[in-house]
Amino acid sequence: MENSNHYTSSMRIANFTNIQLQDENQLSFNTVVVEKIVEEVRKYADLPYIFLVSAEKSDLVSKILTTLKEMKSPCYPYAIITLDALNLGNNFTDLDILRSQSHEANRIVDQIQEYSEKRLKFHIENLHIQNQT
């Protein structure tokens, strides 16, 4: 019997857009101070992160990513979903960068769920070690 998982609840979304998502694991920020945002993000290191980013916040997000990467934080995201064409330079080639197909909240959540299913799916049978002797 396979457990059913709600994959979006297995990801924390750092939302750097004006779009209101209906997700319990979403963080939105009322400041543009990098240190305060990093401090807030680091409070929630219990789940893997995905960043949702609009073009107007790309410079801020780039600074946040650099800070998290330098401190080797577990809050460094697995992926970035962009609403628009985004230029983060070549500093973040270790991230999955996905382009959102829509600016509608429901479709963005669907895209995050699809990504989570692919990235976080785990097969329990992989835990069993087959002894070759």
C-alpha atoms as a PDB file:
ATOM      1  CA  MET A   1       0.000   0.000   0.000  1.00  0.00           C
ATOM      2  CA  GLU A   2       1.437   3.359  -1.014  1.00  0.00           C
ATOM      3  CA  ASN A   3       1.116   6.386   1.208  1.00  0.00           C
ATOM      4  CA  SER A   4      -0.521   9.364  -0.389  1.00  0.00           C
ATOM      5  CA  ASN A   5       1.515  12.510   0.006  1.00  0.00           C
ATOM      6  CA  HIS A   6       0.569  16.108  -0.443  1.00  0.00           C
ATOM      7  CA  TYR A   7       3.861  17.233  -1.912  1.00  0.00           C
ATOM      8  CA  THR A   8       3.349  20.982  -1.636  1.00  0.00           C
ATOM      9  CA  SER A   9       3.047  20.561   2.111  1.00  0.00           C
ATOM     10  CA  SER A  10       6.542  19.072   1.910  1.00  0.00           C
ATOM     11  CA  MET A  11       8.006  22.289   0.512  1.00  0.00           C
ATOM     12  CA  ARG A  12       8.228  25.746   2.022  1.00  0.00           C
ATOM     13  CA  ILE A  13       7.495  28.539  -0.449  1.00  0.00           C
ATOM     14  CA  ALA A  14       9.324  31.852  -0.053  1.00  0.00           C
ATOM     15  CA  ASN A  15       7.048  34.163  -1.999  1.00  0.00           C
ATOM     16  CA  PHE A  16       8.736  37.217  -3.520  1.00  0.00           C
ATOM     17  CA  THR A  17       5.729  38.247  -5.613  1.00  0.00           C
ATOM     18  CA  ASN A  18       2.420  40.053  -5.098  1.00  0.00           C
ATOM     19  CA  ILE A  19       0.461  36.873  -5.799  1.00  0.00           C
ATOM     20  CA  GLN A  20      -1.382  35.442  -2.800  1.00  0.00           C
ATOM     21  CA  LEU A  21      -0.982  31.681  -2.716  1.00  0.00           C
ATOM     22  CA  GLN A  22      -3.233  29.449  -0.642  1.00  0.00           C
ATOM     23  CA  ASP A  23      -0.547  27.363   0.995  1.00  0.00           C
ATOM     24  CA  GLU A  24       0.106  26.873   4.677  1.00  0.00           C
ATOM     25  CA  ASN A  25       3.881  26.690   4.167  1.00  0.00           C
ATOM     26  CA  GLN A  26       4.226  30.041   2.433  1.00  0.00           C
ATOM     27  CA  LEU A  27       6.405  32.869   3.698  1.00  0.00           C
ATOM     28  CA  SER A  28       5.836  36.413   2.482  1.00  0.00           C
ATOM     29  CA  PHE A  29       7.993  39.340   3.481  1.00  0.00           C
ATOM     30  CA  ASN A  30       7.129  42.932   4.392  1.00  0.00           C
ATOM     31  CA  THR A  31      10.704  44.161   4.226  1.00  0.00           C
ATOM     32  CA  VAL A  32      13.479  44.504   1.686  1.00  0.00           C
ATOM     33  CA  VAL A  33      16.257  44.223   4.268  1.00  0.00           C
ATOM     34  CA  VAL A  34      18.270  41.157   3.276  1.00  0.00           C
ATOM     35  CA  GLU A  35      19.389  40.326   6.820  1.00  0.00           C
ATOM     36  CA  LYS A  36      15.819  40.364   8.163  1.00  0.00           C
ATOM     37  CA  ILE A  37      14.548  38.169   5.350  1.00  0.00           C
ATOM     38  CA  VAL A  38      17.417  35.693   5.809  1.00  0.00           C
ATOM     39  CA  GLU A  39      16.705  35.613   9.553  1.00  0.00           C
ATOM     40  CA  GLU A  40      13.021  34.880   8.884  1.00  0.00           C
ATOM     41  CA  VAL A  41      13.799  32.204   6.297  1.00  0.00           C
ATOM     42  CA  ARG A  42      16.230  30.487   8.663  1.00  0.00           C
ATOM     43  CA  LYS A  43      13.515  30.185  11.338  1.00  0.00           C
ATOM     44  CA  TYR A  44      11.792  27.656   9.098  1.00  0.00           C
ATOM     45  CA  ALA A  45      14.505  25.174   8.179  1.00  0.00           C
ATOM     46  CA  ASP A  46      12.189  22.189   8.644  1.00  0.00           C
ATOM     47  CA  LEU A  47      11.222  21.853   4.980  1.00  0.00           C
ATOM     48  CA  PRO A  48      13.046  22.234   1.669  1.00  0.00           C
ATOM     49  CA  TYR A  49      12.531  25.624   0.044  1.00  0.00           C
ATOM     50  CA  ILE A  50      11.333  26.798  -3.310  1.00  0.00           C
ATOM     51  CA  PHE A  51      11.456  30.532  -4.108  1.00  0.00           C
ATOM     52  CA  LEU A  52       8.705  32.195  -6.151  1.00  0.00           C
ATOM     53  CA  VAL A  53      10.179  35.342  -7.693  1.00  0.00           C
ATOM     54  CA  SER A  54       8.980  38.264  -9.801  1.00  0.00           C
ATOM     55  CA  ALA A  55      11.355  40.296 -11.975  1.00  0.00           C
ATOM     56  CA  GLU A  56      11.120  43.394  -9.780  1.00  0.00           C
ATOM     57  CA  LYS A  57      12.436  41.404  -6.779  1.00  0.00           C
ATOM     58  CA  SER A  58      15.265  39.626  -8.644  1.00  0.00           C
ATOM     59  CA  ASP A  59      18.055  41.827  -7.211  1.00  0.00           C
ATOM     60  CA  LEU A  60      16.792  41.292  -3.667  1.00  0.00           C
ATOM     61  CA  VAL A  61      16.473  37.540  -4.187  1.00  0.00           C
ATOM     62  CA  SER A  62      19.959  37.371  -5.686  1.00  0.00           C
ATOM     63  CA  LYS A  63      21.379  38.966  -2.515  1.00  0.00           C
ATOM     64  CA  ILE A  64      19.364  36.590  -0.312  1.00  0.00           C
ATOM     65  CA  LEU A  65      20.541  33.563  -2.285  1.00  0.00           C
ATOM     66  CA  THR A  66      24.158  34.717  -2.062  1.00  0.00           C
ATOM     67  CA  THR A  67      23.860  35.139   1.712  1.00  0.00           C
ATOM     68  CA  LEU A  68      22.226  31.732   2.212  1.00  0.00           C
ATOM     69  CA  LYS A  69      24.772  30.051  -0.049  1.00  0.00           C
ATOM     70  CA  GLU A  70      27.742  31.636   1.730  1.00  0.00           C
ATOM     71  CA  MET A  71      26.508  30.442   5.117  1.00  0.00           C
ATOM     72  CA  LYS A  72      25.718  26.986   3.682  1.00  0.00           C
ATOM     73  CA  SER A  73      22.214  27.267   5.049  1.00  0.00           C
ATOM     74  CA  PRO A  74      19.805  24.325   4.799  1.00  0.00           C
ATOM     75  CA  CYS A  75      17.290  26.960   3.704  1.00  0.00           C
ATOM     76  CA  TYR A  76      19.024  27.419   0.363  1.00  0.00           C
ATOM     77  CA  PRO A  77      16.246  26.564  -2.105  1.00  0.00           C
ATOM     78  CA  TYR A  78      15.989  23.568  -4.394  1.00  0.00           C
ATOM     79  CA  ALA A  79      14.407  25.695  -7.099  1.00  0.00           C
ATOM     80  CA  ILE A  80      13.250  29.111  -8.186  1.00  0.00           C
ATOM     81  CA  ILE A  81      10.001  29.620 -10.048  1.00  0.00           C
ATOM     82  CA  THR A  82      10.018  32.889 -11.965  1.00  0.00           C
ATOM     83  CA  LEU A  83       6.996  34.807 -13.145  1.00  0.00           C
ATOM     84  CA  ASP A  84       8.935  36.736 -15.749  1.00  0.00           C
ATOM     85  CA  ALA A  85      12.256  36.490 -17.526  1.00  0.00           C
ATOM     86  CA  LEU A  86      14.780  36.612 -14.733  1.00  0.00           C
ATOM     87  CA  ASN A  87      18.506  37.203 -14.851  1.00  0.00           C
ATOM     88  CA  LEU A  88      20.253  35.952 -11.733  1.00  0.00           C
ATOM     89  CA  GLY A  89      23.599  35.692 -13.469  1.00  0.00           C
ATOM     90  CA  ASN A  90      25.711  32.545 -13.434  1.00  0.00           C
ATOM     91  CA  ASN A  91      26.014  32.374  -9.652  1.00  0.00           C
ATOM     92  CA  PHE A  92      23.095  30.010  -9.102  1.00  0.00           C
ATOM     93  CA  THR A  93      23.553  27.241 -11.625  1.00  0.00           C
ATOM     94  CA  ASP A  94      23.004  24.706  -8.834  1.00  0.00           C
ATOM     95  CA  LEU A  95      19.302  25.642  -8.634  1.00  0.00           C
ATOM     96  CA  ASP A  96      16.459  24.393 -10.771  1.00  0.00           C
ATOM     97  CA  ILE A  97      15.083  27.533 -12.411  1.00  0.00           C
ATOM     98  CA  LEU A  98      11.561  27.102 -13.731  1.00  0.00           C
ATOM     99  CA  ARG A  99       9.437  29.601 -15.618  1.00  0.00           C
ATOM    100  CA  SER A 100       5.861  29.880 -14.405  1.00  0.00           C
ATOM    101  CA  GLN A 101       3.270  29.144 -17.044  1.00  0.00           C
ATOM    102  CA  SER A 102       0.793  31.541 -15.446  1.00  0.00           C
ATOM    103  CA  HIS A 103       0.325  34.381 -12.971  1.00  0.00           C
ATOM    104  CA  GLU A 104      -2.723  32.638 -11.485  1.00  0.00           C
ATOM    105  CA  ALA A 105      -2.208  31.395  -7.922  1.00  0.00           C
ATOM    106  CA  ASN A 106      -3.850  27.995  -8.494  1.00  0.00           C
ATOM    107  CA  ARG A 107      -1.724  27.231 -11.532  1.00  0.00           C
ATOM    108  CA  ILE A 108       1.460  28.251  -9.699  1.00  0.00           C
ATOM    109  CA  VAL A 109       0.581  25.945  -6.792  1.00  0.00           C
ATOM    110  CA  ASP A 110      -0.054  23.163  -9.317  1.00  0.00           C
ATOM    111  CA  GLN A 111       3.381  23.769 -10.838  1.00  0.00           C
ATOM    112  CA  ILE A 112       5.011  23.679  -7.402  1.00  0.00           C
ATOM    113  CA  GLN A 113       3.188  20.454  -6.608  1.00  0.00           C
ATOM    114  CA  GLU A 114       4.307  18.903  -9.901  1.00  0.00           C
ATOM    115  CA  TYR A 115       7.907  19.903  -9.211  1.00  0.00           C
ATOM    116  CA  SER A 116       7.687  18.546  -5.653  1.00  0.00           C
ATOM    117  CA  GLU A 117       6.337  15.220  -6.856  1.00  0.00           C
ATOM    118  CA  LYS A 118       9.268  14.805  -9.232  1.00  0.00           C
ATOM    119  CA  ARG A 119      11.944  16.119  -6.876  1.00  0.00           C
ATOM    120  CA  LEU A 120      10.848  14.666  -3.541  1.00  0.00           C
ATOM    121  CA  LYS A 121       9.262  11.357  -4.455  1.00  0.00           C
ATOM    122  CA  PHE A 122      10.881   8.571  -2.518  1.00  0.00           C
ATOM    123  CA  HIS A 123      10.387   4.851  -2.914  1.00  0.00           C
ATOM    124  CA  ILE A 124      10.483   2.994   0.392  1.00  0.00           C
ATOM    125  CA  GLU A 125      11.845  -0.115  -1.317  1.00  0.00           C
ATOM    126  CA  ASN A 126      15.091   1.813  -1.910  1.00  0.00           C
ATOM    127  CA  LEU A 127      15.771   1.421   1.805  1.00  0.00           C
ATOM    128  CA  HIS A 128      15.997  -2.340   1.578  1.00  0.00           C
ATOM    129  CA  ILE A 129      19.523  -3.612   1.110  1.00  0.00           C
ATOM    130  CA  GLN A 130      19.849  -6.762  -0.895  1.00  0.00           C
ATOM    131  CA  ASN A 131      22.627  -8.945   0.432  1.00  0.00           C
ATOM    132  CA  GLN A 132      24.521 -10.418  -2.511  1.00  0.00           C
ATOM    133  CA  THR A 133      26.023 -13.350  -0.560  1.00  0.00           C
END
